[in-house]
Amino acid sequence: MWGRQDQDRERRGRSFGGYAAGVNGNGTGKKRVVPQRPPNMTRVEQPPKTPRVARPQREAARSGNWRRRLVIWGVIFVVCSLLACGIGYAAVNFFAATNANSGAATTGADFLAALSNQNYNQAYNDLDATITVQTSPEDFKQEAQSDDRCYGPVTNYSEVPDSAVQNNAQSYSYSYTITRSKLPHAYTLRLTLQQDTYGNWKISSFGNNNDDLGPGQPTC
């Protein structure tokens, strides 16, 4: 009887010891050692208080804001319109002047090309009425042929760089370097062109007094 009680006590003791070892986690039944706090660590009794950031409040729309914006946009629109008009006006004048200069130069080159080819009738067609009312096609042809016999036909011609002069909106003048077969040196011929009422460019003046296509009056 007493022997059985002793055995039961021994079993309960072993069971309790195993339970304590499982609880402590070291398998020895002893209590786990708690680590010591470092001496320099500050003890925090309570968590720090974090200040709350206030939610931004929306400002009430001012009644005058839309009026001020309307005025600003109106000023911007007016300024842009004025700039566009100014740029457009300048562009139109620029292209008009460029086209006029190009048309006058084309007529001058056509006149000299006709003289070089001894096509006197074509050259006469490039003359303005201020010349044709005083000079007939036959008279012009005789003058051109006299220059060709004395100085030789025109063999080359070129516009003098930067010689173009705008006399007015409908008038330009150009200087050309002319080379003839019998002349040892080239000479300069000045042409003035006028735009007529139909928009065509015609030669209103050439040489000296519109009667000289050579370097001077023919002497041969």
N, C-alpha and C. Protein backbone atom coordinates (compact mmCIF):
# COMPACT_ATOMS: atom_id res chain seq x y z
N MET A 1 0.84 -1.21 0.00
CA MET A 1 0.00 0.00 0.00
C MET A 1 0.85 1.23 0.00
N TRP A 2 1.79 1.31 0.94
CA TRP A 2 2.66 2.48 0.99
C TRP A 2 3.57 2.52 -0.21
N GLY A 3 3.97 1.40 -0.69
CA GLY A 3 4.84 1.40 -1.88
C GLY A 3 4.17 1.98 -3.09
N ARG A 4 2.87 1.71 -3.28
CA ARG A 4 2.16 2.27 -4.43
C ARG A 4 2.02 3.77 -4.30
N GLN A 5 1.77 4.30 -3.12
CA GLN A 5 1.65 5.75 -2.95
C GLN A 5 2.95 6.46 -3.28
N ASP A 6 4.06 5.83 -2.87
CA ASP A 6 5.36 6.46 -3.18
C ASP A 6 5.58 6.51 -4.69
N GLN A 7 5.19 5.47 -5.39
CA GLN A 7 5.37 5.46 -6.85
C GLN A 7 4.52 6.54 -7.51
N ASP A 8 3.27 6.73 -7.00
CA ASP A 8 2.40 7.78 -7.59
C ASP A 8 2.99 9.16 -7.38
N ARG A 9 3.55 9.40 -6.19
CA ARG A 9 4.16 10.70 -5.92
C ARG A 9 5.34 10.95 -6.85
N GLU A 10 6.11 9.91 -7.09
CA GLU A 10 7.29 10.06 -7.96
C GLU A 10 6.85 10.40 -9.39
N ARG A 11 5.76 9.75 -9.86
CA ARG A 11 5.28 10.06 -11.21
C ARG A 11 4.79 11.50 -11.31
N ARG A 12 4.04 11.97 -10.30
CA ARG A 12 3.54 13.34 -10.33
C ARG A 12 4.69 14.34 -10.30
N GLY A 13 5.75 14.00 -9.54
CA GLY A 13 6.91 14.90 -9.49
C GLY A 13 7.59 15.01 -10.82
N ARG A 14 7.75 13.87 -11.52
CA ARG A 14 8.39 13.93 -12.83
C ARG A 14 7.52 14.68 -13.83
N SER A 15 6.21 14.50 -13.77
CA SER A 15 5.31 15.21 -14.70
C SER A 15 5.36 16.70 -14.48
N PHE A 16 5.39 17.15 -13.22
CA PHE A 16 5.44 18.58 -12.92
C PHE A 16 6.77 19.18 -13.35
N GLY A 17 7.85 18.40 -13.15
CA GLY A 17 9.17 18.89 -13.58
C GLY A 17 9.24 19.06 -15.07
N GLY A 18 8.66 18.10 -15.83
CA GLY A 18 8.65 18.24 -17.30
C GLY A 18 7.83 19.42 -17.75
N TYR A 19 6.71 19.65 -17.03
CA TYR A 19 5.86 20.80 -17.40
C TYR A 19 6.60 22.10 -17.16
N ALA A 20 7.32 22.20 -16.01
CA ALA A 20 8.07 23.44 -15.71
C ALA A 20 9.18 23.65 -16.71
N ALA A 21 9.85 22.56 -17.10
CA ALA A 21 10.93 22.69 -18.09
C ALA A 21 10.39 23.16 -19.42
N GLY A 22 9.20 22.66 -19.79
CA GLY A 22 8.60 23.10 -21.06
C GLY A 22 8.22 24.55 -21.01
N VAL A 23 7.73 24.99 -19.82
CA VAL A 23 7.34 26.39 -19.70
C VAL A 23 8.55 27.29 -19.77
N ASN A 24 9.65 26.95 -19.07
CA ASN A 24 10.84 27.79 -19.05
C ASN A 24 11.58 27.74 -20.37
N GLY A 25 11.45 26.67 -21.14
CA GLY A 25 12.08 26.56 -22.45
C GLY A 25 13.53 26.18 -22.41
N ASN A 26 14.11 25.91 -21.26
CA ASN A 26 15.53 25.54 -21.23
C ASN A 26 15.74 24.09 -20.90
N GLY A 27 14.66 23.37 -20.65
CA GLY A 27 14.76 21.94 -20.40
C GLY A 27 15.36 21.60 -19.06
N THR A 28 15.62 22.60 -18.23
CA THR A 28 16.23 22.33 -16.92
C THR A 28 15.27 22.54 -15.79
N GLY A 29 14.14 23.19 -16.09
CA GLY A 29 13.18 23.48 -15.04
C GLY A 29 13.50 24.74 -14.28
N LYS A 30 14.61 25.40 -14.63
CA LYS A 30 14.98 26.63 -13.95
C LYS A 30 14.38 27.83 -14.67
N LYS A 31 14.23 28.98 -13.96
CA LYS A 31 13.68 30.20 -14.54
C LYS A 31 14.69 30.83 -15.50
N ARG A 32 14.16 31.40 -16.60
CA ARG A 32 15.02 32.07 -17.57
C ARG A 32 15.52 33.38 -17.00
N VAL A 33 16.78 33.69 -17.27
CA VAL A 33 17.39 34.91 -16.75
C VAL A 33 16.94 36.10 -17.61
N VAL A 34 16.43 37.15 -16.97
CA VAL A 34 15.99 38.36 -17.68
C VAL A 34 17.20 39.24 -17.96
N PRO A 35 17.43 39.69 -19.23
CA PRO A 35 18.61 40.52 -19.54
C PRO A 35 18.52 41.86 -18.83
N GLN A 36 19.68 42.37 -18.44
CA GLN A 36 19.77 43.63 -17.73
C GLN A 36 19.69 44.80 -18.71
N ARG A 37 19.05 45.91 -18.30
CA ARG A 37 18.96 47.13 -19.11
C ARG A 37 20.32 47.83 -19.12
N PRO A 38 20.78 48.29 -20.27
CA PRO A 38 22.05 49.03 -20.32
C PRO A 38 21.96 50.25 -19.42
N PRO A 39 23.07 50.61 -18.77
CA PRO A 39 23.02 51.73 -17.80
C PRO A 39 22.71 53.08 -18.44
N ASN A 40 23.03 53.29 -19.76
CA ASN A 40 22.83 54.60 -20.38
C ASN A 40 21.49 54.73 -21.08
N MET A 41 20.67 53.70 -21.08
CA MET A 41 19.40 53.76 -21.79
C MET A 41 18.37 54.50 -20.94
N THR A 42 17.68 55.45 -21.60
CA THR A 42 16.66 56.23 -20.90
C THR A 42 15.40 55.42 -20.75
N ARG A 43 14.85 55.47 -19.56
CA ARG A 43 13.62 54.73 -19.30
C ARG A 43 12.43 55.57 -19.77
N VAL A 44 11.60 54.97 -20.59
CA VAL A 44 10.42 55.65 -21.10
C VAL A 44 9.22 55.13 -20.33
N GLU A 45 8.64 56.02 -19.53
CA GLU A 45 7.50 55.62 -18.74
C GLU A 45 6.22 55.59 -19.57
N GLN A 46 6.11 56.61 -20.51
CA GLN A 46 4.92 56.70 -21.35
C GLN A 46 5.35 56.96 -22.79
N PRO A 47 4.58 56.50 -23.75
CA PRO A 47 4.93 56.77 -25.16
C PRO A 47 4.89 58.27 -25.45
N PRO A 48 5.81 58.77 -26.31
CA PRO A 48 5.83 60.21 -26.62
C PRO A 48 4.54 60.64 -27.29
N LYS A 49 4.16 61.85 -26.99
CA LYS A 49 2.95 62.39 -27.58
C LYS A 49 3.27 62.99 -28.96
N THR A 50 2.61 62.50 -29.98
CA THR A 50 2.81 63.01 -31.34
C THR A 50 1.81 64.13 -31.61
N PRO A 51 2.31 65.35 -31.92
CA PRO A 51 1.35 66.44 -32.17
C PRO A 51 0.56 66.20 -33.44
N ARG A 52 -0.67 66.44 -33.40
CA ARG A 52 -1.54 66.25 -34.56
C ARG A 52 -1.51 67.49 -35.45
N VAL A 53 -1.37 67.23 -36.75
CA VAL A 53 -1.34 68.33 -37.71
C VAL A 53 -2.77 68.69 -38.07
N ALA A 54 -3.05 69.97 -37.95
CA ALA A 54 -4.42 70.41 -38.24
C ALA A 54 -4.71 70.32 -39.73
N ARG A 55 -5.88 69.93 -40.09
CA ARG A 55 -6.29 69.84 -41.48
C ARG A 55 -6.42 71.24 -42.08
N PRO A 56 -5.81 71.47 -43.27
CA PRO A 56 -5.89 72.82 -43.86
C PRO A 56 -7.33 73.19 -44.19
N GLN A 57 -7.63 74.40 -43.89
CA GLN A 57 -8.97 74.90 -44.14
C GLN A 57 -9.04 75.55 -45.51
N ARG A 58 -10.06 75.26 -46.25
CA ARG A 58 -10.26 75.86 -47.56
C ARG A 58 -10.73 77.30 -47.41
N GLU A 59 -10.03 78.16 -48.19
CA GLU A 59 -10.43 79.55 -48.15
C GLU A 59 -11.70 79.75 -48.98
N ALA A 60 -12.52 80.54 -48.48
CA ALA A 60 -13.75 80.83 -49.21
C ALA A 60 -13.42 81.61 -50.48
N ALA A 61 -14.04 81.23 -51.57
CA ALA A 61 -13.78 81.90 -52.86
C ALA A 61 -14.15 83.37 -52.76
N ARG A 62 -13.19 84.19 -53.19
CA ARG A 62 -13.43 85.62 -53.15
C ARG A 62 -14.25 86.03 -54.36
N SER A 63 -15.14 86.91 -54.14
CA SER A 63 -16.04 87.32 -55.22
C SER A 63 -15.31 88.10 -56.31
N GLY A 64 -14.17 88.74 -55.95
CA GLY A 64 -13.47 89.56 -56.94
C GLY A 64 -12.45 88.81 -57.76
N ASN A 65 -12.17 87.53 -57.43
CA ASN A 65 -11.14 86.79 -58.15
C ASN A 65 -11.49 86.59 -59.61
N TRP A 66 -12.73 86.21 -59.88
CA TRP A 66 -13.10 85.93 -61.27
C TRP A 66 -13.07 87.20 -62.11
N ARG A 67 -13.38 88.34 -61.50
CA ARG A 67 -13.32 89.60 -62.25
C ARG A 67 -11.88 89.96 -62.60
N ARG A 68 -10.98 89.76 -61.63
CA ARG A 68 -9.58 90.06 -61.89
C ARG A 68 -9.01 89.14 -62.96
N ARG A 69 -9.38 87.87 -62.90
CA ARG A 69 -8.91 86.93 -63.93
C ARG A 69 -9.46 87.31 -65.30
N LEU A 70 -10.71 87.74 -65.33
CA LEU A 70 -11.31 88.14 -66.61
C LEU A 70 -10.57 89.33 -67.21
N VAL A 71 -10.21 90.29 -66.35
CA VAL A 71 -9.48 91.46 -66.83
C VAL A 71 -8.10 91.06 -67.36
N ILE A 72 -7.42 90.17 -66.62
CA ILE A 72 -6.08 89.73 -67.04
C ILE A 72 -6.14 89.03 -68.39
N TRP A 73 -7.09 88.11 -68.54
CA TRP A 73 -7.21 87.39 -69.82
C TRP A 73 -7.60 88.34 -70.95
N GLY A 74 -8.41 89.35 -70.62
CA GLY A 74 -8.76 90.33 -71.65
C GLY A 74 -7.56 91.12 -72.12
N VAL A 75 -6.71 91.53 -71.17
CA VAL A 75 -5.49 92.27 -71.53
C VAL A 75 -4.56 91.39 -72.38
N ILE A 76 -4.41 90.13 -71.98
CA ILE A 76 -3.55 89.21 -72.74
C ILE A 76 -4.09 89.03 -74.16
N PHE A 77 -5.40 88.91 -74.29
CA PHE A 77 -6.00 88.74 -75.62
C PHE A 77 -5.76 89.96 -76.50
N VAL A 78 -5.91 91.15 -75.92
CA VAL A 78 -5.69 92.38 -76.70
C VAL A 78 -4.24 92.50 -77.14
N VAL A 79 -3.30 92.21 -76.22
CA VAL A 79 -1.88 92.30 -76.56
C VAL A 79 -1.52 91.31 -77.66
N CYS A 80 -2.02 90.07 -77.54
CA CYS A 80 -1.73 89.06 -78.57
C CYS A 80 -2.32 89.46 -79.91
N SER A 81 -3.51 90.06 -79.90
CA SER A 81 -4.13 90.49 -81.15
C SER A 81 -3.31 91.59 -81.82
N LEU A 82 -2.83 92.55 -81.02
CA LEU A 82 -2.01 93.62 -81.57
C LEU A 82 -0.70 93.08 -82.15
N LEU A 83 -0.09 92.14 -81.42
CA LEU A 83 1.15 91.55 -81.93
C LEU A 83 0.91 90.80 -83.23
N ALA A 84 -0.19 90.05 -83.28
CA ALA A 84 -0.50 89.30 -84.50
C ALA A 84 -0.73 90.24 -85.68
N CYS A 85 -1.44 91.34 -85.44
CA CYS A 85 -1.69 92.30 -86.52
C CYS A 85 -0.38 92.94 -86.99
N GLY A 86 0.48 93.30 -86.02
CA GLY A 86 1.75 93.91 -86.40
C GLY A 86 2.64 92.97 -87.19
N ILE A 87 2.71 91.72 -86.73
CA ILE A 87 3.53 90.74 -87.45
C ILE A 87 2.96 90.47 -88.84
N GLY A 88 1.63 90.36 -88.92
CA GLY A 88 1.01 90.12 -90.23
C GLY A 88 1.25 91.27 -91.19
N TYR A 89 1.13 92.51 -90.69
CA TYR A 89 1.36 93.68 -91.55
C TYR A 89 2.80 93.72 -92.05
N ALA A 90 3.75 93.45 -91.13
CA ALA A 90 5.16 93.45 -91.53
C ALA A 90 5.45 92.34 -92.54
N ALA A 91 4.83 91.17 -92.33
CA ALA A 91 5.06 90.06 -93.25
C ALA A 91 4.51 90.37 -94.64
N VAL A 92 3.32 90.97 -94.68
CA VAL A 92 2.73 91.31 -95.99
C VAL A 92 3.61 92.31 -96.73
N ASN A 93 4.07 93.34 -96.02
CA ASN A 93 4.94 94.33 -96.67
C ASN A 93 6.26 93.72 -97.12
N PHE A 94 6.79 92.82 -96.29
CA PHE A 94 8.06 92.19 -96.65
C PHE A 94 7.92 91.36 -97.92
N PHE A 95 6.89 90.52 -97.97
CA PHE A 95 6.71 89.67 -99.15
C PHE A 95 6.32 90.50 -100.38
N ALA A 96 5.58 91.58 -100.16
CA ALA A 96 5.23 92.43 -101.29
C ALA A 96 6.48 93.09 -101.87
N ALA A 97 7.36 93.58 -100.98
CA ALA A 97 8.60 94.19 -101.46
C ALA A 97 9.50 93.16 -102.14
N THR A 98 9.53 91.95 -101.58
CA THR A 98 10.36 90.90 -102.18
C THR A 98 9.85 90.53 -103.57
N ASN A 99 8.53 90.40 -103.71
CA ASN A 99 7.96 90.07 -105.01
C ASN A 99 8.19 91.19 -106.02
N ALA A 100 8.06 92.44 -105.55
CA ALA A 100 8.29 93.57 -106.45
C ALA A 100 9.73 93.60 -106.92
N ASN A 101 10.65 93.40 -106.00
CA ASN A 101 12.07 93.39 -106.36
C ASN A 101 12.37 92.27 -107.34
N SER A 102 11.78 91.10 -107.09
CA SER A 102 12.00 89.97 -107.97
C SER A 102 11.45 90.23 -109.37
N GLY A 103 10.24 90.84 -109.44
CA GLY A 103 9.65 91.12 -110.75
C GLY A 103 10.45 92.13 -111.54
N ALA A 104 10.95 93.17 -110.88
CA ALA A 104 11.75 94.18 -111.57
C ALA A 104 13.07 93.59 -112.06
N ALA A 105 13.72 92.80 -111.22
CA ALA A 105 14.99 92.19 -111.61
C ALA A 105 14.80 91.22 -112.77
N THR A 106 13.67 90.52 -112.80
CA THR A 106 13.41 89.59 -113.90
C THR A 106 13.27 90.33 -115.22
N THR A 107 12.58 91.46 -115.22
CA THR A 107 12.43 92.24 -116.45
C THR A 107 13.78 92.78 -116.92
N GLY A 108 14.60 93.25 -115.98
CA GLY A 108 15.92 93.75 -116.36
C GLY A 108 16.78 92.67 -116.99
N ALA A 109 16.75 91.47 -116.41
CA ALA A 109 17.53 90.36 -116.97
C ALA A 109 16.99 89.95 -118.34
N ASP A 110 15.67 90.00 -118.52
CA ASP A 110 15.08 89.65 -119.81
C ASP A 110 15.49 90.65 -120.89
N PHE A 111 15.56 91.93 -120.54
CA PHE A 111 15.97 92.97 -121.48
C PHE A 111 17.40 92.75 -121.96
N LEU A 112 18.30 92.46 -121.03
CA LEU A 112 19.70 92.24 -121.40
C LEU A 112 19.88 90.94 -122.18
N ALA A 113 19.10 89.93 -121.84
CA ALA A 113 19.18 88.67 -122.59
C ALA A 113 18.74 88.88 -124.03
N ALA A 114 17.71 89.71 -124.25
CA ALA A 114 17.25 90.00 -125.61
C ALA A 114 18.33 90.75 -126.39
N LEU A 115 19.00 91.71 -125.74
CA LEU A 115 20.09 92.42 -126.42
C LEU A 115 21.24 91.48 -126.76
N SER A 116 21.55 90.56 -125.83
CA SER A 116 22.64 89.61 -126.07
C SER A 116 22.32 88.71 -127.26
N ASN A 117 21.05 88.36 -127.43
CA ASN A 117 20.63 87.51 -128.55
C ASN A 117 20.28 88.33 -129.79
N GLN A 118 20.48 89.65 -129.70
CA GLN A 118 20.16 90.58 -130.79
C GLN A 118 18.69 90.48 -131.20
N ASN A 119 17.86 90.20 -130.20
CA ASN A 119 16.40 90.18 -130.39
C ASN A 119 15.88 91.56 -129.98
N TYR A 120 15.99 92.52 -130.87
CA TYR A 120 15.71 93.91 -130.53
C TYR A 120 14.22 94.16 -130.31
N ASN A 121 13.37 93.43 -131.01
CA ASN A 121 11.94 93.61 -130.80
C ASN A 121 11.52 93.19 -129.38
N GLN A 122 12.09 92.07 -128.91
CA GLN A 122 11.78 91.63 -127.55
C GLN A 122 12.31 92.64 -126.53
N ALA A 123 13.50 93.16 -126.77
CA ALA A 123 14.05 94.17 -125.86
C ALA A 123 13.16 95.42 -125.85
N TYR A 124 12.64 95.78 -127.02
CA TYR A 124 11.76 96.96 -127.10
C TYR A 124 10.47 96.74 -126.30
N ASN A 125 9.97 95.51 -126.27
CA ASN A 125 8.74 95.22 -125.52
C ASN A 125 8.92 95.39 -124.02
N ASP A 126 10.17 95.38 -123.55
CA ASP A 126 10.43 95.57 -122.12
C ASP A 126 10.53 97.04 -121.74
N LEU A 127 10.40 97.95 -122.70
CA LEU A 127 10.52 99.38 -122.42
C LEU A 127 9.18 99.95 -121.96
N ASP A 128 9.27 100.95 -121.08
CA ASP A 128 8.08 101.60 -120.55
C ASP A 128 7.55 102.62 -121.56
N ALA A 129 6.30 103.03 -121.35
CA ALA A 129 5.67 103.98 -122.28
C ALA A 129 6.38 105.32 -122.29
N THR A 130 7.07 105.68 -121.21
CA THR A 130 7.80 106.95 -121.20
C THR A 130 8.91 106.97 -122.25
N ILE A 131 9.38 105.80 -122.68
CA ILE A 131 10.40 105.71 -123.73
C ILE A 131 9.77 105.45 -125.08
N THR A 132 8.79 104.56 -125.12
CA THR A 132 8.22 104.17 -126.42
C THR A 132 7.43 105.30 -127.08
N VAL A 133 6.94 106.28 -126.28
CA VAL A 133 6.22 107.39 -126.91
C VAL A 133 7.17 108.31 -127.67
N GLN A 134 8.46 108.21 -127.37
CA GLN A 134 9.45 109.06 -128.03
C GLN A 134 10.33 108.28 -129.01
N THR A 135 10.39 106.96 -128.83
CA THR A 135 11.27 106.13 -129.66
C THR A 135 10.46 105.01 -130.29
N SER A 136 10.55 104.89 -131.58
CA SER A 136 9.84 103.82 -132.28
C SER A 136 10.65 102.54 -132.23
N PRO A 137 10.05 101.40 -132.51
CA PRO A 137 10.81 100.15 -132.54
C PRO A 137 11.97 100.19 -133.52
N GLU A 138 11.79 100.84 -134.67
CA GLU A 138 12.86 100.90 -135.66
C GLU A 138 14.02 101.77 -135.17
N ASP A 139 13.71 102.89 -134.53
CA ASP A 139 14.77 103.75 -134.00
C ASP A 139 15.57 103.02 -132.91
N PHE A 140 14.88 102.31 -132.05
CA PHE A 140 15.57 101.57 -131.00
C PHE A 140 16.47 100.49 -131.60
N LYS A 141 15.98 99.83 -132.63
CA LYS A 141 16.76 98.78 -133.27
C LYS A 141 18.03 99.35 -133.90
N GLN A 142 17.93 100.50 -134.55
CA GLN A 142 19.11 101.12 -135.17
C GLN A 142 20.14 101.51 -134.11
N GLU A 143 19.69 102.04 -132.98
CA GLU A 143 20.62 102.42 -131.91
C GLU A 143 21.34 101.19 -131.35
N ALA A 144 20.60 100.10 -131.13
CA ALA A 144 21.20 98.88 -130.60
C ALA A 144 22.18 98.28 -131.59
N GLN A 145 21.85 98.30 -132.88
CA GLN A 145 22.75 97.75 -133.89
C GLN A 145 24.03 98.59 -134.02
N SER A 146 23.92 99.89 -133.84
CA SER A 146 25.11 100.74 -133.89
C SER A 146 26.07 100.39 -132.76
N ASP A 147 25.55 100.15 -131.56
CA ASP A 147 26.40 99.75 -130.44
C ASP A 147 27.04 98.39 -130.71
N ASP A 148 26.29 97.47 -131.31
CA ASP A 148 26.83 96.14 -131.58
C ASP A 148 27.95 96.21 -132.63
N ARG A 149 27.79 97.06 -133.65
CA ARG A 149 28.83 97.18 -134.68
C ARG A 149 30.09 97.83 -134.12
N CYS A 150 29.91 98.82 -133.25
CA CYS A 150 31.05 99.57 -132.75
C CYS A 150 31.77 98.85 -131.61
N TYR A 151 31.02 98.30 -130.68
CA TYR A 151 31.62 97.69 -129.48
C TYR A 151 31.54 96.16 -129.47
N GLY A 152 30.79 95.62 -130.43
CA GLY A 152 30.60 94.18 -130.45
C GLY A 152 29.34 93.78 -129.70
N PRO A 153 28.77 92.63 -130.02
CA PRO A 153 27.56 92.18 -129.32
C PRO A 153 27.83 91.94 -127.83
N VAL A 154 26.76 91.95 -127.07
CA VAL A 154 26.86 91.66 -125.63
C VAL A 154 27.15 90.17 -125.46
N THR A 155 28.25 89.87 -124.79
CA THR A 155 28.64 88.47 -124.56
C THR A 155 28.37 88.01 -123.13
N ASN A 156 28.26 88.95 -122.23
CA ASN A 156 28.01 88.56 -120.83
C ASN A 156 27.45 89.77 -120.08
N TYR A 157 26.66 89.49 -119.06
CA TYR A 157 26.11 90.55 -118.20
C TYR A 157 25.81 89.94 -116.83
N SER A 158 25.92 90.77 -115.81
CA SER A 158 25.63 90.32 -114.44
C SER A 158 25.27 91.54 -113.59
N GLU A 159 24.39 91.32 -112.65
CA GLU A 159 23.98 92.41 -111.76
C GLU A 159 25.09 92.72 -110.76
N VAL A 160 25.35 94.00 -110.57
CA VAL A 160 26.35 94.41 -109.59
C VAL A 160 25.80 94.12 -108.19
N PRO A 161 26.55 93.42 -107.35
CA PRO A 161 26.04 93.10 -106.01
C PRO A 161 25.67 94.36 -105.22
N ASP A 162 24.54 94.27 -104.54
CA ASP A 162 24.03 95.35 -103.67
C ASP A 162 23.81 96.66 -104.43
N SER A 163 23.51 96.56 -105.70
CA SER A 163 23.28 97.78 -106.49
C SER A 163 21.80 98.15 -106.57
N ALA A 164 20.92 97.26 -106.12
CA ALA A 164 19.48 97.52 -106.22
C ALA A 164 19.08 98.66 -105.29
N VAL A 165 18.32 99.60 -105.83
CA VAL A 165 17.84 100.74 -105.07
C VAL A 165 16.34 100.86 -105.30
N GLN A 166 15.59 100.94 -104.21
CA GLN A 166 14.14 101.14 -104.32
C GLN A 166 13.86 102.64 -104.31
N ASN A 167 13.46 103.15 -105.45
CA ASN A 167 13.17 104.58 -105.54
C ASN A 167 11.84 104.91 -104.86
N ASN A 168 10.86 104.05 -105.06
CA ASN A 168 9.58 104.14 -104.37
C ASN A 168 8.93 102.77 -104.45
N ALA A 169 7.65 102.68 -104.06
CA ALA A 169 7.00 101.37 -104.03
C ALA A 169 6.87 100.75 -105.41
N GLN A 170 6.88 101.57 -106.48
CA GLN A 170 6.72 101.07 -107.85
C GLN A 170 7.94 101.33 -108.72
N SER A 171 9.10 101.51 -108.13
CA SER A 171 10.27 101.81 -108.94
C SER A 171 11.54 101.27 -108.29
N TYR A 172 12.36 100.58 -109.11
CA TYR A 172 13.65 100.05 -108.68
C TYR A 172 14.71 100.39 -109.73
N SER A 173 15.94 100.50 -109.26
CA SER A 173 17.08 100.74 -110.15
C SER A 173 18.14 99.69 -109.89
N TYR A 174 18.80 99.24 -110.98
CA TYR A 174 19.84 98.22 -110.88
C TYR A 174 21.02 98.63 -111.76
N SER A 175 22.19 98.17 -111.35
CA SER A 175 23.40 98.36 -112.16
C SER A 175 23.88 96.99 -112.63
N TYR A 176 24.29 96.93 -113.91
CA TYR A 176 24.74 95.67 -114.50
C TYR A 176 26.13 95.87 -115.10
N THR A 177 26.93 94.84 -114.96
CA THR A 177 28.24 94.81 -115.61
C THR A 177 28.07 94.17 -116.98
N ILE A 178 28.42 94.92 -118.04
CA ILE A 178 28.21 94.46 -119.42
C ILE A 178 29.57 94.18 -120.06
N THR A 179 29.65 93.06 -120.73
CA THR A 179 30.86 92.69 -121.48
C THR A 179 30.49 92.57 -122.95
N ARG A 180 31.26 93.24 -123.81
CA ARG A 180 31.06 93.17 -125.26
C ARG A 180 32.32 92.61 -125.92
N SER A 181 32.12 92.01 -127.07
CA SER A 181 33.21 91.26 -127.71
C SER A 181 34.38 92.14 -128.15
N LYS A 182 34.13 93.41 -128.52
CA LYS A 182 35.19 94.28 -129.02
C LYS A 182 35.78 95.20 -127.95
N LEU A 183 35.27 95.13 -126.74
CA LEU A 183 35.78 96.00 -125.68
C LEU A 183 36.76 95.23 -124.80
N PRO A 184 37.91 95.83 -124.47
CA PRO A 184 38.87 95.13 -123.61
C PRO A 184 38.40 95.06 -122.15
N HIS A 185 37.52 95.96 -121.77
CA HIS A 185 37.05 96.00 -120.39
C HIS A 185 35.52 96.08 -120.37
N ALA A 186 34.96 95.59 -119.29
CA ALA A 186 33.51 95.67 -119.10
C ALA A 186 33.13 97.08 -118.66
N TYR A 187 31.88 97.42 -118.81
CA TYR A 187 31.37 98.72 -118.38
C TYR A 187 30.06 98.49 -117.62
N THR A 188 29.56 99.56 -116.99
CA THR A 188 28.36 99.47 -116.16
C THR A 188 27.19 100.15 -116.86
N LEU A 189 26.07 99.46 -116.89
CA LEU A 189 24.84 99.99 -117.47
C LEU A 189 23.79 100.07 -116.37
N ARG A 190 23.18 101.25 -116.23
CA ARG A 190 22.17 101.46 -115.20
C ARG A 190 20.78 101.38 -115.81
N LEU A 191 19.92 100.55 -115.17
CA LEU A 191 18.53 100.40 -115.62
C LEU A 191 17.59 100.81 -114.49
N THR A 192 16.54 101.55 -114.86
CA THR A 192 15.48 101.91 -113.91
C THR A 192 14.18 101.32 -114.41
N LEU A 193 13.47 100.65 -113.53
CA LEU A 193 12.23 99.96 -113.91
C LEU A 193 11.06 100.55 -113.13
N GLN A 194 9.92 100.61 -113.82
CA GLN A 194 8.70 101.17 -113.25
C GLN A 194 7.57 100.15 -113.40
N GLN A 195 6.74 100.03 -112.36
CA GLN A 195 5.59 99.13 -112.43
C GLN A 195 4.38 99.90 -112.96
N ASP A 196 3.75 99.37 -114.02
CA ASP A 196 2.62 100.08 -114.61
C ASP A 196 1.33 99.74 -113.87
N THR A 197 0.22 100.26 -114.38
CA THR A 197 -1.07 100.07 -113.72
C THR A 197 -1.55 98.63 -113.76
N TYR A 198 -0.98 97.82 -114.65
CA TYR A 198 -1.37 96.42 -114.75
C TYR A 198 -0.47 95.50 -113.90
N GLY A 199 0.48 96.10 -113.21
CA GLY A 199 1.38 95.32 -112.37
C GLY A 199 2.60 94.80 -113.10
N ASN A 200 2.78 95.19 -114.37
CA ASN A 200 3.94 94.75 -115.14
C ASN A 200 5.11 95.71 -114.93
N TRP A 201 6.31 95.15 -114.92
CA TRP A 201 7.51 95.96 -114.75
C TRP A 201 8.12 96.26 -116.11
N LYS A 202 8.37 97.55 -116.35
CA LYS A 202 8.93 98.00 -117.62
C LYS A 202 10.14 98.91 -117.35
N ILE A 203 11.05 98.95 -118.31
CA ILE A 203 12.25 99.78 -118.18
C ILE A 203 11.89 101.21 -118.56
N SER A 204 12.04 102.11 -117.59
CA SER A 204 11.71 103.52 -117.83
C SER A 204 12.94 104.37 -118.12
N SER A 205 14.13 103.80 -117.88
CA SER A 205 15.35 104.56 -118.15
C SER A 205 16.51 103.59 -118.30
N PHE A 206 17.42 103.88 -119.27
CA PHE A 206 18.64 103.08 -119.42
C PHE A 206 19.75 103.97 -119.95
N GLY A 207 20.97 103.68 -119.54
CA GLY A 207 22.13 104.43 -120.03
C GLY A 207 22.02 105.91 -119.75
N ASN A 208 22.51 106.70 -120.72
CA ASN A 208 22.46 108.15 -120.64
C ASN A 208 21.36 108.67 -121.54
N ASN A 209 20.31 109.20 -120.93
CA ASN A 209 19.19 109.81 -121.66
C ASN A 209 18.47 108.82 -122.57
N ASN A 210 18.49 107.55 -122.21
CA ASN A 210 17.76 106.50 -122.92
C ASN A 210 18.18 106.35 -124.39
N ASP A 211 19.39 106.75 -124.71
CA ASP A 211 19.84 106.61 -126.09
C ASP A 211 21.22 105.97 -126.17
N ASP A 212 21.62 105.30 -125.12
CA ASP A 212 22.96 104.74 -125.10
C ASP A 212 22.95 103.41 -124.35
N LEU A 213 23.15 102.33 -125.09
CA LEU A 213 23.26 101.00 -124.48
C LEU A 213 24.70 100.56 -124.32
N GLY A 214 25.64 101.33 -124.86
CA GLY A 214 27.05 101.01 -124.75
C GLY A 214 27.73 101.88 -123.71
N PRO A 215 29.08 101.87 -123.71
CA PRO A 215 29.81 102.71 -122.75
C PRO A 215 29.75 104.19 -123.09
N GLY A 216 29.27 104.52 -124.24
CA GLY A 216 29.15 105.90 -124.68
C GLY A 216 28.53 105.93 -126.07
N GLN A 217 28.44 107.12 -126.63
CA GLN A 217 27.90 107.24 -127.98
C GLN A 217 28.84 106.56 -128.98
N PRO A 218 28.28 105.74 -129.88
CA PRO A 218 29.12 105.06 -130.88
C PRO A 218 29.87 106.08 -131.74
N THR A 219 31.16 105.83 -131.96
CA THR A 219 31.99 106.73 -132.77
C THR A 219 32.48 106.07 -134.04
N CYS A 220 32.08 104.84 -134.28
CA CYS A 220 32.56 104.15 -135.47
C CYS A 220 31.43 104.01 -136.50
